C-alpha atoms as a PDB file:
ATOM      1  CA  UNK A   1      90.366-202.265 -55.777  1.00  0.00           C
ATOM      2  CA  UNK A   2      88.110-202.704 -58.736  1.00  0.00           C
ATOM      3  CA  UNK A   3      85.693-199.884 -59.323  1.00  0.00           C
ATOM      4  CA  UNK A   4      82.684-202.248 -59.244  1.00  0.00           C
ATOM      5  CA  UNK A   5      83.450-203.558 -55.762  1.00  0.00           C
ATOM      6  CA  UNK A   6      81.061-202.231 -53.146  1.00  0.00           C
ATOM      7  CA  UNK A   7      81.844-203.716 -49.710  1.00  0.00           C
ATOM      8  CA  UNK A   8      78.877-202.074 -48.032  1.00  0.00           C
ATOM      9  CA  UNK A   9      75.828-201.994 -50.301  1.00  0.00           C
ATOM     10  CA  UNK A  10      73.356-199.221 -49.570  1.00  0.00           C
ATOM     11  CA  UNK A  11      70.653-201.772 -48.669  1.00  0.00           C
ATOM     12  CA  UNK A  12      72.872-203.221 -45.957  1.00  0.00           C
ATOM     13  CA  UNK A  13      72.069-202.666 -42.291  1.00  0.00           C
ATOM     14  CA  UNK A  14      75.799-202.703 -41.623  1.00  0.00           C
ATOM     15  CA  UNK A  15      76.295-199.930 -44.200  1.00  0.00           C
ATOM     16  CA  UNK A  16      73.738-197.767 -42.429  1.00  0.00           C
ATOM     17  CA  UNK A  17      75.421-198.467 -39.105  1.00  0.00           C
ATOM     18  CA  UNK A  18      78.915-197.739 -40.469  1.00  0.00           C
ATOM     19  CA  UNK A  19      77.718-194.544 -42.137  1.00  0.00           C
ATOM     20  CA  UNK A  20      76.962-193.043 -38.748  1.00  0.00           C
ATOM     21  CA  UNK A  21      80.345-193.843 -37.190  1.00  0.00           C
ATOM     22  CA  UNK A  22      83.404-191.589 -37.106  1.00  0.00           C
ATOM     23  CA  UNK A  23      85.962-192.544 -39.786  1.00  0.00           C
ATOM     24  CA  UNK A  24      88.525-193.829 -37.251  1.00  0.00           C
ATOM     25  CA  UNK A  25      85.981-196.308 -35.844  1.00  0.00           C
ATOM     26  CA  UNK A  26      85.549-197.997 -39.218  1.00  0.00           C
ATOM     27  CA  UNK A  27      89.041-199.485 -38.978  1.00  0.00           C
ATOM     28  CA  UNK A  28      88.118-201.077 -35.659  1.00  0.00           C
ATOM     29  CA  UNK A  29      85.215-202.852 -37.405  1.00  0.00           C
ATOM     30  CA  UNK A  30      87.755-204.786 -39.482  1.00  0.00           C
ATOM     31  CA  UNK A  31      88.920-206.497 -36.317  1.00  0.00           C
ATOM     32  CA  UNK A  32      85.802-206.595 -34.141  1.00  0.00           C
ATOM     33  CA  UNK A  33      82.479-207.175 -35.900  1.00  0.00           C
ATOM     34  CA  UNK A  34      79.689-204.829 -34.822  1.00  0.00           C
ATOM     35  CA  UNK A  35      77.256-206.547 -32.461  1.00  0.00           C
ATOM     36  CA  UNK A  36      74.347-208.010 -34.375  1.00  0.00           C
ATOM     37  CA  UNK A  37      76.143-207.844 -37.730  1.00  0.00           C
ATOM     38  CA  UNK A  38      78.614-210.748 -37.366  1.00  0.00           C
ATOM     39  CA  UNK A  39      77.333-212.750 -40.360  1.00  0.00           C
ATOM     40  CA  UNK A  40      77.192-209.722 -42.649  1.00  0.00           C
ATOM     41  CA  UNK A  41      80.628-208.576 -41.461  1.00  0.00           C
ATOM     42  CA  UNK A  42      82.183-211.953 -42.254  1.00  0.00           C
ATOM     43  CA  UNK A  43      80.616-211.943 -45.731  1.00  0.00           C
ATOM     44  CA  UNK A  44      81.900-208.412 -46.380  1.00  0.00           C
ATOM     45  CA  UNK A  45      85.369-209.278 -45.133  1.00  0.00           C
ATOM     46  CA  UNK A  46      85.500-212.360 -47.372  1.00  0.00           C
ATOM     47  CA  UNK A  47      84.516-210.221 -50.390  1.00  0.00           C
ATOM     48  CA  UNK A  48      87.127-207.610 -49.541  1.00  0.00           C
ATOM     49  CA  UNK A  49      89.819-210.268 -49.115  1.00  0.00           C
ATOM     50  CA  UNK A  50      88.973-211.897 -52.445  1.00  0.00           C
ATOM     51  CA  UNK A  51      89.011-208.529 -54.219  1.00  0.00           C
ATOM     52  CA  UNK A  52      92.370-207.649 -52.663  1.00  0.00           C
ATOM     53  CA  UNK A  53      93.845-211.000 -53.727  1.00  0.00           C
ATOM     54  CA  UNK A  54      92.588-210.529 -57.308  1.00  0.00           C
ATOM     55  CA  UNK A  55      93.930-206.985 -57.392  1.00  0.00           C
ATOM     56  CA  UNK A  56      97.333-208.137 -56.164  1.00  0.00           C
ATOM     57  CA  UNK A  57      97.474-210.991 -58.673  1.00  0.00           C
ATOM     58  CA  UNK A  58      96.505-208.648 -61.510  1.00  0.00           C
ATOM     59  CA  UNK A  59      99.209-206.192 -60.468  1.00  0.00           C
ATOM     60  CA  UNK A  60     101.919-208.837 -60.477  1.00  0.00           C
ATOM     61  CA  UNK A  61     100.669-210.363 -63.744  1.00  0.00           C
ATOM     62  CA  UNK A  62     101.225-206.983 -65.468  1.00  0.00           C
ATOM     63  CA  UNK A  63     104.825-206.675 -64.248  1.00  0.00           C
END
């Protein structure tokens, strides 16, 4: 991913919530949004997906 991409900004309530969870629980959040953070989770996931697509396209463009 690009170095400027920050999927969980420090001002985010979801970031504060995720920061207190064990590392293995963070993967579960990709599939089940934390209660009360559904809108923020969807926005983060859309950003992450777009960044991954751009990264993949850039990789294949260099080959």
